[in-house]
Amino acid sequence: MQHNTVTMADKKTIAIVAHDNKKQDLLAWAKYNREALGGHQLIATGTTGKLLQTELGLPVTRLQSGPLGGDQQIGAKISEGAVDVLIFFWDPLEPHPHDPDVKALLRIAVVWNIPIACNRASADFLISSSLMPQEYERLVPDYEEHRNRPVRMDGA
């Protein structure tokens, strides 16, 4: 498969999501990294975004709550090229009614080669990377062949 290059600006758009049991972990991480986060544009699902705004005093674009479609909204923004990084503190030990949306969000981030952090350690590595505050050329698969493939109409 061929690849295209997408230039990520020095000011990244970071999507932030946290399951209920992980919100306190995310807030502790975000407070510790407030200065670094302040140099980027933040978007978040509903409740997580409200907590970040209140606790950090940083502007956060708030989408719907995850179970109400927020995970899908972030996935759509990734596929549109409007998200550079995904920080998703998810809880692998609790069942979630919107689990298919969670899996779809993680899948679409991988499809578009978006850096993902799913726990505090990976988020620490990601936010402290020397690549975060500078432009970065991200390789993205060229899906034109997939988009232009013949469509069979016989149901096969």
C-alpha atoms as a PDB file:
ATOM      1  CA  MET A   1       0.000   0.000   0.000  1.00  0.00           C
ATOM      2  CA  GLN A   2       1.160   3.494  -0.826  1.00  0.00           C
ATOM      3  CA  HIS A   3       1.292   6.228   1.801  1.00  0.00           C
ATOM      4  CA  ASN A   4       0.606   9.935   1.861  1.00  0.00           C
ATOM      5  CA  THR A   5       2.137  12.399   4.269  1.00  0.00           C
ATOM      6  CA  VAL A   6       0.058  14.610   6.532  1.00  0.00           C
ATOM      7  CA  THR A   7       1.769  17.505   8.258  1.00  0.00           C
ATOM      8  CA  MET A   8       0.780  17.799  11.889  1.00  0.00           C
ATOM      9  CA  ALA A   9       1.299  21.391  13.050  1.00  0.00           C
ATOM     10  CA  ASP A  10       3.353  22.264  16.102  1.00  0.00           C
ATOM     11  CA  LYS A  11       0.056  22.944  17.876  1.00  0.00           C
ATOM     12  CA  LYS A  12      -1.697  19.575  17.820  1.00  0.00           C
ATOM     13  CA  THR A  13      -5.384  18.844  18.215  1.00  0.00           C
ATOM     14  CA  ILE A  14      -5.607  16.370  21.084  1.00  0.00           C
ATOM     15  CA  ALA A  15      -8.807  14.394  21.616  1.00  0.00           C
ATOM     16  CA  ILE A  16      -9.284  13.321  25.231  1.00  0.00           C
ATOM     17  CA  VAL A  17     -11.650  10.618  26.467  1.00  0.00           C
ATOM     18  CA  ALA A  18     -11.917   8.798  29.805  1.00  0.00           C
ATOM     19  CA  HIS A  19     -14.278   6.156  31.096  1.00  0.00           C
ATOM     20  CA  ASP A  20     -15.920   6.984  34.424  1.00  0.00           C
ATOM     21  CA  ASN A  21     -13.569   4.763  36.454  1.00  0.00           C
ATOM     22  CA  LYS A  22     -10.566   6.453  34.810  1.00  0.00           C
ATOM     23  CA  LYS A  23     -11.592  10.106  35.017  1.00  0.00           C
ATOM     24  CA  GLN A  24      -9.655  10.748  38.248  1.00  0.00           C
ATOM     25  CA  ASP A  25      -6.529   9.165  36.730  1.00  0.00           C
ATOM     26  CA  LEU A  26      -6.940  11.330  33.651  1.00  0.00           C
ATOM     27  CA  LEU A  27      -7.438  14.481  35.735  1.00  0.00           C
ATOM     28  CA  ALA A  28      -4.321  13.770  37.788  1.00  0.00           C
ATOM     29  CA  TRP A  29      -2.363  13.229  34.567  1.00  0.00           C
ATOM     30  CA  ALA A  30      -3.806  16.364  32.954  1.00  0.00           C
ATOM     31  CA  LYS A  31      -3.031  18.538  35.984  1.00  0.00           C
ATOM     32  CA  TYR A  32       0.552  17.290  35.982  1.00  0.00           C
ATOM     33  CA  ASN A  33       0.804  18.036  32.225  1.00  0.00           C
ATOM     34  CA  ARG A  34      -1.285  21.232  32.211  1.00  0.00           C
ATOM     35  CA  GLU A  35       1.474  23.382  30.729  1.00  0.00           C
ATOM     36  CA  ALA A  36       2.125  20.966  27.872  1.00  0.00           C
ATOM     37  CA  LEU A  37      -1.600  20.554  27.181  1.00  0.00           C
ATOM     38  CA  GLY A  38      -2.050  24.327  27.168  1.00  0.00           C
ATOM     39  CA  GLY A  39       0.079  24.556  24.040  1.00  0.00           C
ATOM     40  CA  HIS A  40      -2.385  22.469  22.060  1.00  0.00           C
ATOM     41  CA  GLN A  41      -6.046  22.497  21.051  1.00  0.00           C
ATOM     42  CA  LEU A  42      -8.123  20.155  23.222  1.00  0.00           C
ATOM     43  CA  ILE A  43     -11.361  18.401  22.366  1.00  0.00           C
ATOM     44  CA  ALA A  44     -13.094  15.928  24.634  1.00  0.00           C
ATOM     45  CA  THR A  45     -16.234  13.950  25.162  1.00  0.00           C
ATOM     46  CA  GLY A  46     -18.879  15.641  27.333  1.00  0.00           C
ATOM     47  CA  THR A  47     -18.206  14.916  30.990  1.00  0.00           C
ATOM     48  CA  THR A  48     -14.461  14.540  30.506  1.00  0.00           C
ATOM     49  CA  GLY A  49     -14.355  17.904  28.735  1.00  0.00           C
ATOM     50  CA  LYS A  50     -16.310  19.595  31.514  1.00  0.00           C
ATOM     51  CA  LEU A  51     -13.940  18.194  34.156  1.00  0.00           C
ATOM     52  CA  LEU A  52     -10.878  19.305  32.178  1.00  0.00           C
ATOM     53  CA  GLN A  53     -12.240  22.834  31.712  1.00  0.00           C
ATOM     54  CA  THR A  54     -13.125  23.138  35.396  1.00  0.00           C
ATOM     55  CA  GLU A  55      -9.941  21.619  36.810  1.00  0.00           C
ATOM     56  CA  LEU A  56      -7.384  23.003  34.352  1.00  0.00           C
ATOM     57  CA  GLY A  57      -8.949  26.281  33.316  1.00  0.00           C
ATOM     58  CA  LEU A  58      -8.027  25.530  29.697  1.00  0.00           C
ATOM     59  CA  PRO A  59     -10.363  25.851  26.725  1.00  0.00           C
ATOM     60  CA  VAL A  60     -11.802  22.489  25.687  1.00  0.00           C
ATOM     61  CA  THR A  61     -14.151  21.886  22.781  1.00  0.00           C
ATOM     62  CA  ARG A  62     -16.790  19.603  24.264  1.00  0.00           C
ATOM     63  CA  LEU A  63     -18.613  16.998  22.241  1.00  0.00           C
ATOM     64  CA  GLN A  64     -21.381  14.641  23.313  1.00  0.00           C
ATOM     65  CA  SER A  65     -20.850  12.235  26.189  1.00  0.00           C
ATOM     66  CA  GLY A  66     -19.262   8.990  24.959  1.00  0.00           C
ATOM     67  CA  PRO A  67     -22.395   6.827  25.312  1.00  0.00           C
ATOM     68  CA  LEU A  68     -24.431   9.528  23.552  1.00  0.00           C
ATOM     69  CA  GLY A  69     -22.212   9.589  20.474  1.00  0.00           C
ATOM     70  CA  GLY A  70     -19.100  11.471  21.611  1.00  0.00           C
ATOM     71  CA  ASP A  71     -16.785   8.564  20.787  1.00  0.00           C
ATOM     72  CA  GLN A  72     -18.248   8.469  17.287  1.00  0.00           C
ATOM     73  CA  GLN A  73     -17.873  12.234  16.938  1.00  0.00           C
ATOM     74  CA  ILE A  74     -14.176  11.983  17.741  1.00  0.00           C
ATOM     75  CA  GLY A  75     -13.854   9.073  15.297  1.00  0.00           C
ATOM     76  CA  ALA A  76     -15.459  11.209  12.598  1.00  0.00           C
ATOM     77  CA  LYS A  77     -13.033  14.058  13.330  1.00  0.00           C
ATOM     78  CA  ILE A  78     -10.113  11.619  13.041  1.00  0.00           C
ATOM     79  CA  SER A  79     -11.327  10.406   9.641  1.00  0.00           C
ATOM     80  CA  GLU A  80     -11.722  14.051   8.535  1.00  0.00           C
ATOM     81  CA  GLY A  81      -8.118  14.819   9.538  1.00  0.00           C
ATOM     82  CA  ALA A  82      -9.147  17.119  12.389  1.00  0.00           C
ATOM     83  CA  VAL A  83      -7.480  15.170  15.248  1.00  0.00           C
ATOM     84  CA  ASP A  84      -3.741  14.603  15.634  1.00  0.00           C
ATOM     85  CA  VAL A  85      -3.512  12.656  18.912  1.00  0.00           C
ATOM     86  CA  LEU A  86      -5.920  10.522  20.944  1.00  0.00           C
ATOM     87  CA  ILE A  87      -5.611  10.229  24.729  1.00  0.00           C
ATOM     88  CA  PHE A  88      -8.161   7.626  25.845  1.00  0.00           C
ATOM     89  CA  PHE A  89      -8.037   6.396  29.424  1.00  0.00           C
ATOM     90  CA  TRP A  90     -10.317   3.386  29.031  1.00  0.00           C
ATOM     91  CA  ASP A  91     -11.301   0.866  31.615  1.00  0.00           C
ATOM     92  CA  PRO A  92     -10.648  -2.683  30.400  1.00  0.00           C
ATOM     93  CA  LEU A  93     -12.237  -4.278  33.481  1.00  0.00           C
ATOM     94  CA  GLU A  94     -15.744  -2.795  33.287  1.00  0.00           C
ATOM     95  CA  PRO A  95     -18.404  -3.584  30.690  1.00  0.00           C
ATOM     96  CA  HIS A  96     -19.623  -0.519  28.793  1.00  0.00           C
ATOM     97  CA  PRO A  97     -22.921  -0.258  26.930  1.00  0.00           C
ATOM     98  CA  HIS A  98     -21.161   1.706  24.187  1.00  0.00           C
ATOM     99  CA  ASP A  99     -18.287  -0.789  23.828  1.00  0.00           C
ATOM    100  CA  PRO A 100     -18.796  -1.083  20.034  1.00  0.00           C
ATOM    101  CA  ASP A 101     -18.284   2.699  19.780  1.00  0.00           C
ATOM    102  CA  VAL A 102     -15.102   2.457  21.854  1.00  0.00           C
ATOM    103  CA  LYS A 103     -13.719  -0.280  19.605  1.00  0.00           C
ATOM    104  CA  ALA A 104     -14.694   1.707  16.518  1.00  0.00           C
ATOM    105  CA  LEU A 105     -12.880   4.789  17.856  1.00  0.00           C
ATOM    106  CA  LEU A 106      -9.698   2.856  18.549  1.00  0.00           C
ATOM    107  CA  ARG A 107      -9.960   1.148  15.158  1.00  0.00           C
ATOM    108  CA  ILE A 108     -10.346   4.413  13.225  1.00  0.00           C
ATOM    109  CA  ALA A 109      -7.377   5.931  15.076  1.00  0.00           C
ATOM    110  CA  VAL A 110      -5.253   2.993  13.918  1.00  0.00           C
ATOM    111  CA  VAL A 111      -6.645   3.208  10.355  1.00  0.00           C
ATOM    112  CA  TRP A 112      -5.492   6.851  10.130  1.00  0.00           C
ATOM    113  CA  ASN A 113      -2.199   6.298  12.025  1.00  0.00           C
ATOM    114  CA  ILE A 114      -3.088   8.614  14.908  1.00  0.00           C
ATOM    115  CA  PRO A 115      -0.853   8.352  18.003  1.00  0.00           C
ATOM    116  CA  ILE A 116      -2.900   6.801  20.824  1.00  0.00           C
ATOM    117  CA  ALA A 117      -2.304   6.662  24.567  1.00  0.00           C
ATOM    118  CA  CYS A 118      -4.620   4.392  26.539  1.00  0.00           C
ATOM    119  CA  ASN A 119      -3.090   4.698  30.004  1.00  0.00           C
ATOM    120  CA  ARG A 120      -1.004   7.075  32.079  1.00  0.00           C
ATOM    121  CA  ALA A 121       2.364   5.619  31.123  1.00  0.00           C
ATOM    122  CA  SER A 122       1.709   5.831  27.373  1.00  0.00           C
ATOM    123  CA  ALA A 123       0.192   9.312  27.802  1.00  0.00           C
ATOM    124  CA  ASP A 124       3.338  10.418  29.670  1.00  0.00           C
ATOM    125  CA  PHE A 125       5.551   9.153  26.858  1.00  0.00           C
ATOM    126  CA  LEU A 126       3.361  10.767  24.194  1.00  0.00           C
ATOM    127  CA  ILE A 127       2.981  14.214  25.781  1.00  0.00           C
ATOM    128  CA  SER A 128       6.681  14.405  26.675  1.00  0.00           C
ATOM    129  CA  SER A 129       7.875  13.354  23.222  1.00  0.00           C
ATOM    130  CA  SER A 130      10.135  15.858  21.481  1.00  0.00           C
ATOM    131  CA  LEU A 131       7.803  15.472  18.476  1.00  0.00           C
ATOM    132  CA  MET A 132       4.781  16.992  20.269  1.00  0.00           C
ATOM    133  CA  PRO A 133       5.758  20.691  20.150  1.00  0.00           C
ATOM    134  CA  GLN A 134       6.972  20.661  16.539  1.00  0.00           C
ATOM    135  CA  GLU A 135       5.654  19.884  13.081  1.00  0.00           C
ATOM    136  CA  TYR A 136       5.546  16.190  12.292  1.00  0.00           C
ATOM    137  CA  GLU A 137       5.102  14.393   8.990  1.00  0.00           C
ATOM    138  CA  ARG A 138       2.687  11.525   9.715  1.00  0.00           C
ATOM    139  CA  LEU A 139       2.417   8.729   7.184  1.00  0.00           C
ATOM    140  CA  VAL A 140      -1.162   7.886   6.301  1.00  0.00           C
ATOM    141  CA  PRO A 141      -2.121   4.967   4.079  1.00  0.00           C
ATOM    142  CA  ASP A 142      -3.368   5.984   0.658  1.00  0.00           C
ATOM    143  CA  TYR A 143      -6.885   4.590   0.523  1.00  0.00           C
ATOM    144  CA  GLU A 144      -7.660   5.730  -3.051  1.00  0.00           C
ATOM    145  CA  GLU A 145      -7.433   2.171  -4.376  1.00  0.00           C
ATOM    146  CA  HIS A 146      -9.943   1.081  -1.742  1.00  0.00           C
ATOM    147  CA  ARG A 147     -12.258   4.024  -2.514  1.00  0.00           C
ATOM    148  CA  ASN A 148     -12.118   3.347  -6.256  1.00  0.00           C
ATOM    149  CA  ARG A 149     -12.462  -0.448  -6.153  1.00  0.00           C
ATOM    150  CA  PRO A 150     -15.221  -1.969  -8.286  1.00  0.00           C
ATOM    151  CA  VAL A 151     -18.437  -2.570  -6.400  1.00  0.00           C
ATOM    152  CA  ARG A 152     -20.203  -5.827  -7.069  1.00  0.00           C
ATOM    153  CA  MET A 153     -23.950  -5.571  -7.308  1.00  0.00           C
ATOM    154  CA  ASP A 154     -24.708  -9.308  -7.224  1.00  0.00           C
ATOM    155  CA  GLY A 155     -24.646  -9.534  -3.423  1.00  0.00           C
ATOM    156  CA  ALA A 156     -21.313 -11.368  -3.278  1.00  0.00           C
END
